[in-house]
Amino acid sequence: MNSDDRVSKSRSNLTAKRDEGIVSGRITPKTNLHQLLASWPAAIPLFNKKLLACVGCEMAKFETLEDLACNYDLDLVSLIQEINSSLSNSPGLELIPSAQFILYVSDQQRSTDFYAYVLGIDPRLNVPGMTEFELGDWVLGIMPRANIARLLSIPVSDTSEHVFQGENYWVVEDPQIFHHRAISAGARELSGLSLRDWGYQVAYCMDSDGYVIAFAKRVP
């Protein structure tokens, strides 16, 4: 193995070590410090209170909670318990007040007629580019593929059913936190948080199965 191969292997090992724990959505001894603080800002006050020089430190990208406990002579189990306690008040899915599932379709009117007949209700919104059916606590949306292509500034061919399956649209208190968590867990970013023409700030990413995830917040 030459020196370049060794460097590449070392970087791969560091990446694997960095991502272990945070991707699973659990705080573990192998959870990377940088990923933890970036994905769960609610933990930062605890780190500052303990005078742990992790926030903004470049070495945090390469160290885990296990490393931290060793370096500062901390009890690892107690540290993880304290972190989990500090995260109990951070934004979670239970705080999502509004959710939609949006189907990307080739013919909006045909799909609208189909679902209106099947569901036995009229859409609450039916305008060029978007149809919405209110179904109790959530909304079924219908959007032409051309619209999502325009929204994300990509070719319509890139939104085929083999690439984009549909969209989960969630209105949350802090879209950036949720969006960053998704990216940290392996989602592909499609469009960063920005103001959209319907009056919401929205960030878009795509999961490994081709479903688009949108985190949104209404702009006052």
Foldseek 3Di string as FASTA:
>chain_A
DDPVVVVVVVVVVQVCLALPQLLVVHQDQSHQQVLCCLLQVLLVVVCVVVVNPQVPDPCSSRDGLNVSCVVVVHDSVVVSVVSVVSRVPPDDPVQFQAKEWEFADQDQVVVQVVCCVVVVHHWPDDDQAWTWRDDDRYIYMYGYLVNVCVVLVHDSVCCPCQAAGIEMETEHDDQSSVVSSQVSNPWAWRAQFDADPVQKTWTWTADPRRYIYIYIYGDD
